[in-house]
Amino acid sequence: MNNLVFEAVKNRLASSARTRILAFGSSNTERYLYGMHWFDVVNLGIREKYGSGKSHFINTGISGNTTADLLDRFQDDAAFYKPRLVFITIGGNDCNPLKNISGRQFKENLEALHHKFSDMGTIVIFQTYYSPDPLQVDEERLGNFYSCMDTVREVAAATKSGLIDHLRRWEPLRLAHNDRYLKMMLNGFHVNQIGNALLGLDILRSLDVAPGAAIPGNPFPALDEAVENQKLMDSIGSEKN
């Protein structure tokens, strides 16, 4: 994690300026379930800490997208909004052998996305995925997936971008407490409400935001369970973002 990037984000949020925040990616960014999404958790946590009306949250995720698709629709679905901050979460489809995207092309596409956002003055935070379930994902795709996530880390470091490395935290939990892990998964490659809530909590933690909504009896019980899973991750040595 590049601490300077996260300090810049916190300073921006604490200022009097309004901040447009974009979520750009594929199905784990697009809303595909009823209820709270990770971007909602981030939205509400930031609103609670920094006040209402100071940030505008925009989600342009599209299921099935690759890095090539993000580049193709960059003008309409990213540049159009002129975001001050973007969360880029991508790679779960690039790793599909049927998409024919090489590791080299994936890296070049990530670099191109960073370049386009940087040219607009947008702060870039890359994210790795949560852990896919190896029992439900094709072996070749799974191997490609881990290579893609390594590339996300490499590009984030090389471009001095922010990085929220969910995968590094989820893997120890999946291996040590598979039952708790499976309760956060909708299928082999997608999280449910609990998993979404945990992603949001870890993003908020990287911004030093502790959502007060995570209390007993809150109307979103998945958040309480996500809080407990976050504590469990911490206790088994999952590296904090």
Protein backbone atom coordinates (compact mmCIF):
# COMPACT_ATOMS: atom_id res chain seq x y z
CA MET A 1 0.00 0.00 0.00
CA ASN A 2 1.32 3.43 -0.98
CA ASN A 3 0.65 5.45 2.17
CA LEU A 4 1.13 8.76 0.36
CA VAL A 5 -1.81 7.95 -1.92
CA PHE A 6 -4.11 7.19 0.99
CA GLU A 7 -2.98 10.31 2.85
CA ALA A 8 -3.83 12.33 -0.27
CA VAL A 9 -7.29 10.76 -0.37
CA LYS A 10 -7.91 11.48 3.31
CA ASN A 11 -6.76 15.07 2.91
CA ARG A 12 -9.09 15.53 -0.05
CA LEU A 13 -12.05 14.06 1.83
CA ALA A 14 -11.34 16.27 4.82
CA SER A 15 -11.22 19.42 2.69
CA SER A 16 -14.20 21.61 1.80
CA ALA A 17 -14.14 20.43 -1.83
CA ARG A 18 -16.66 17.92 -3.17
CA THR A 19 -15.10 14.65 -4.32
CA ARG A 20 -16.32 12.45 -7.15
CA ILE A 21 -15.39 8.83 -6.48
CA LEU A 22 -15.65 6.24 -9.26
CA ALA A 23 -15.83 2.45 -9.03
CA PHE A 24 -14.62 1.03 -12.36
CA GLY A 25 -14.51 -2.67 -13.10
CA SER A 26 -16.52 -5.77 -13.93
CA SER A 27 -19.11 -7.88 -12.08
CA ASN A 28 -17.61 -7.42 -8.63
CA THR A 29 -18.06 -3.68 -9.17
CA GLU A 30 -21.46 -3.75 -10.87
CA ARG A 31 -24.35 -4.38 -8.49
CA TYR A 32 -25.67 -7.93 -9.02
CA LEU A 33 -27.46 -8.52 -5.69
CA TYR A 34 -30.22 -6.85 -3.72
CA GLY A 35 -28.94 -5.18 -0.57
CA MET A 36 -25.67 -3.53 0.33
CA HIS A 37 -22.68 -3.56 -2.02
CA TRP A 38 -19.06 -2.88 -1.03
CA PHE A 39 -19.26 0.56 -2.64
CA ASP A 40 -22.36 1.36 -0.53
CA VAL A 41 -20.43 0.49 2.63
CA VAL A 42 -17.62 2.81 1.53
CA ASN A 43 -20.13 5.53 0.64
CA LEU A 44 -21.89 5.42 4.01
CA GLY A 45 -18.67 5.19 6.01
CA ILE A 46 -17.16 8.22 4.28
CA ARG A 47 -20.44 10.12 4.59
CA GLU A 48 -20.54 9.38 8.31
CA LYS A 49 -16.99 10.56 8.93
CA TYR A 50 -16.74 13.51 6.56
CA GLY A 51 -20.34 14.66 6.27
CA SER A 52 -23.25 14.49 3.86
CA GLY A 53 -23.02 16.04 0.41
CA LYS A 54 -19.23 16.18 0.26
CA SER A 55 -18.68 13.12 -1.92
CA HIS A 56 -20.45 11.79 -5.01
CA PHE A 57 -20.15 8.04 -5.61
CA ILE A 58 -20.44 6.75 -9.18
CA ASN A 59 -20.44 3.05 -10.14
CA THR A 60 -19.79 2.12 -13.78
CA GLY A 61 -18.93 -1.55 -13.35
CA ILE A 62 -20.17 -3.92 -16.08
CA SER A 63 -20.27 -7.70 -15.64
CA GLY A 64 -17.98 -9.67 -17.92
CA ASN A 65 -15.63 -6.77 -18.63
CA THR A 66 -11.89 -7.10 -19.15
CA THR A 67 -9.21 -4.41 -19.05
CA ALA A 68 -9.70 -4.05 -22.81
CA ASP A 69 -13.38 -3.29 -22.25
CA LEU A 70 -12.55 -0.67 -19.62
CA LEU A 71 -10.25 1.05 -22.09
CA ASP A 72 -12.91 0.91 -24.82
CA ARG A 73 -15.51 2.64 -22.67
CA PHE A 74 -13.15 4.90 -20.76
CA GLN A 75 -14.38 8.12 -22.33
CA ASP A 76 -18.08 7.56 -21.64
CA ASP A 77 -17.92 5.71 -18.33
CA ALA A 78 -14.87 7.24 -16.64
CA ALA A 79 -13.54 10.45 -18.21
CA PHE A 80 -17.08 11.83 -18.58
CA TYR A 81 -17.37 12.05 -14.79
CA LYS A 82 -13.90 13.53 -14.16
CA PRO A 83 -13.47 11.62 -10.89
CA ARG A 84 -11.00 12.74 -8.25
CA LEU A 85 -10.56 9.14 -7.07
CA VAL A 86 -11.07 5.80 -8.81
CA PHE A 87 -11.14 2.25 -7.47
CA ILE A 88 -10.13 -0.11 -10.30
CA THR A 89 -11.02 -3.76 -9.67
CA ILE A 90 -10.40 -5.94 -12.71
CA GLY A 91 -8.82 -9.21 -13.82
CA GLY A 92 -11.43 -11.87 -13.12
CA ASN A 93 -12.40 -12.00 -16.79
CA ASP A 94 -8.96 -11.26 -18.25
CA CYS A 95 -7.84 -14.53 -16.66
CA ASN A 96 -10.48 -16.51 -18.55
CA PRO A 97 -8.64 -18.40 -21.33
CA LEU A 98 -11.61 -17.79 -23.64
CA LYS A 99 -10.89 -14.04 -23.56
CA ASN A 100 -7.43 -14.52 -25.15
CA ILE A 101 -5.78 -11.76 -23.12
CA SER A 102 -2.12 -12.50 -22.46
CA GLY A 103 -0.37 -11.61 -19.23
CA ARG A 104 1.62 -8.98 -21.11
CA GLN A 105 -1.51 -7.42 -22.59
CA PHE A 106 -3.19 -7.37 -19.17
CA LYS A 107 -0.24 -5.48 -17.72
CA GLU A 108 -0.14 -3.01 -20.61
CA ASN A 109 -3.88 -2.40 -20.28
CA LEU A 110 -3.55 -1.69 -16.55
CA GLU A 111 -0.73 0.73 -17.27
CA ALA A 112 -2.83 2.44 -19.95
CA LEU A 113 -5.74 2.82 -17.54
CA HIS A 114 -3.47 4.35 -14.96
CA HIS A 115 -2.05 6.75 -17.56
CA LYS A 116 -5.50 7.89 -18.68
CA PHE A 117 -6.69 8.53 -15.14
CA SER A 118 -3.46 10.24 -14.10
CA ASP A 119 -3.73 12.59 -17.08
CA MET A 120 -7.05 13.78 -15.61
CA GLY A 121 -5.57 14.26 -12.16
CA THR A 122 -7.46 11.27 -10.77
CA ILE A 123 -6.02 9.42 -7.79
CA VAL A 124 -5.86 5.71 -8.68
CA ILE A 125 -6.39 2.88 -6.21
CA PHE A 126 -6.09 -0.62 -7.65
CA GLN A 127 -7.71 -3.54 -5.86
CA THR A 128 -7.04 -7.26 -5.98
CA TYR A 129 -9.99 -9.63 -5.72
CA TYR A 130 -11.09 -11.74 -2.79
CA SER A 131 -10.22 -15.46 -3.04
CA PRO A 132 -12.12 -17.50 -5.64
CA ASP A 133 -13.20 -20.98 -4.59
CA PRO A 134 -10.74 -23.42 -6.24
CA LEU A 135 -13.35 -26.18 -6.18
CA GLN A 136 -15.64 -24.15 -8.44
CA VAL A 137 -13.15 -22.52 -10.83
CA ASP A 138 -11.40 -24.10 -13.81
CA GLU A 139 -7.75 -24.90 -13.03
CA GLU A 140 -6.30 -22.94 -15.96
CA ARG A 141 -8.39 -19.89 -15.20
CA LEU A 142 -7.47 -20.10 -11.52
CA GLY A 143 -3.76 -20.14 -12.32
CA ASN A 144 -4.19 -17.19 -14.66
CA PHE A 145 -6.14 -15.39 -11.94
CA TYR A 146 -3.31 -15.51 -9.42
CA SER A 147 -0.88 -14.30 -12.09
CA CYS A 148 -3.21 -11.41 -12.90
CA MET A 149 -3.44 -10.41 -9.25
CA ASP A 150 0.37 -10.42 -9.03
CA THR A 151 0.37 -8.10 -12.04
CA VAL A 152 -2.11 -5.76 -10.34
CA ARG A 153 0.30 -5.53 -7.41
CA GLU A 154 3.27 -4.92 -9.73
CA VAL A 155 1.53 -2.18 -11.70
CA ALA A 156 0.27 -0.48 -8.55
CA ALA A 157 3.82 -0.40 -7.17
CA ALA A 158 5.42 0.70 -10.45
CA THR A 159 2.93 3.53 -10.96
CA LYS A 160 2.99 4.56 -7.29
CA SER A 161 -0.76 4.02 -7.13
CA GLY A 162 -2.77 2.96 -4.13
CA LEU A 163 -3.35 -0.76 -3.61
CA ILE A 164 -5.95 -2.53 -1.51
CA ASP A 165 -4.87 -6.15 -1.53
CA HIS A 166 -8.01 -8.06 -0.59
CA LEU A 167 -6.61 -11.35 -1.88
CA ARG A 168 -3.71 -11.26 0.57
CA ARG A 169 -6.22 -11.07 3.42
CA TRP A 170 -8.77 -13.53 2.09
CA GLU A 171 -6.42 -16.40 1.26
CA PRO A 172 -5.42 -17.18 4.88
CA LEU A 173 -9.08 -17.10 5.91
CA ARG A 174 -10.11 -19.44 3.09
CA LEU A 175 -7.39 -21.90 4.04
CA ALA A 176 -7.84 -21.75 7.82
CA HIS A 177 -11.61 -21.24 8.11
CA ASN A 178 -13.16 -22.49 4.89
CA ASP A 179 -16.64 -22.61 6.42
CA ARG A 180 -16.52 -18.89 7.25
CA TYR A 181 -15.09 -18.17 3.80
CA LEU A 182 -17.86 -20.06 2.00
CA LYS A 183 -20.52 -18.15 3.94
CA MET A 184 -19.29 -14.99 2.19
CA MET A 185 -19.41 -16.43 -1.34
CA LEU A 186 -22.33 -16.39 -3.76
CA ASN A 187 -20.50 -18.75 -6.13
CA GLY A 188 -16.93 -19.59 -7.06
CA PHE A 189 -16.09 -16.12 -8.32
CA HIS A 190 -18.52 -13.73 -6.61
CA VAL A 191 -19.18 -12.61 -3.04
CA ASN A 192 -22.57 -12.27 -1.35
CA GLN A 193 -23.74 -9.47 0.96
CA ILE A 194 -21.42 -10.53 3.77
CA GLY A 195 -18.44 -10.68 1.43
CA ASN A 196 -19.35 -7.32 -0.05
CA ALA A 197 -19.58 -5.81 3.42
CA LEU A 198 -16.14 -7.14 4.34
CA LEU A 199 -14.60 -5.67 1.19
CA GLY A 200 -16.14 -2.33 2.08
CA LEU A 201 -14.90 -2.50 5.67
CA ASP A 202 -11.33 -3.17 4.56
CA ILE A 203 -11.47 -0.27 2.11
CA LEU A 204 -12.74 2.02 4.87
CA ARG A 205 -9.98 0.81 7.16
CA SER A 206 -7.40 1.89 4.59
CA LEU A 207 -8.91 5.38 4.87
CA ASP A 208 -9.03 5.29 8.69
CA VAL A 209 -12.82 5.15 8.71
CA ALA A 210 -14.62 2.98 11.26
CA PRO A 211 -18.33 2.86 10.32
CA GLY A 212 -20.55 3.42 13.33
CA ALA A 213 -23.29 1.42 11.62
CA ALA A 214 -21.48 -1.76 12.64
CA ILE A 215 -23.37 -2.10 15.93
CA PRO A 216 -25.65 -4.80 17.36
CA GLY A 217 -29.18 -4.57 16.00
CA ASN A 218 -28.31 -2.53 12.92
CA PRO A 219 -30.66 -3.02 9.94
CA PHE A 220 -27.89 -4.60 7.88
CA PRO A 221 -26.93 -7.76 9.84
CA ALA A 222 -24.45 -8.85 7.15
CA LEU A 223 -22.27 -5.97 8.30
CA ASP A 224 -22.05 -7.36 11.83
CA GLU A 225 -20.95 -10.73 10.46
CA ALA A 226 -18.43 -9.02 8.19
CA VAL A 227 -16.99 -7.18 11.20
CA GLU A 228 -16.46 -10.52 12.95
CA ASN A 229 -14.80 -11.97 9.85
CA GLN A 230 -12.53 -8.95 9.62
CA LYS A 231 -11.45 -9.57 13.22
CA LEU A 232 -10.84 -13.23 12.40
CA MET A 233 -8.68 -12.25 9.43
CA ASP A 234 -6.66 -10.00 11.71
CA SER A 235 -6.23 -12.75 14.30
CA ILE A 236 -4.86 -15.31 11.82
CA GLY A 237 -2.26 -12.94 10.49
CA SER A 238 -3.87 -11.72 7.29
CA GLU A 239 -1.89 -8.66 6.28
CA LYS A 240 -3.89 -5.49 6.91
CA ASN A 241 -4.34 -3.09 4.02
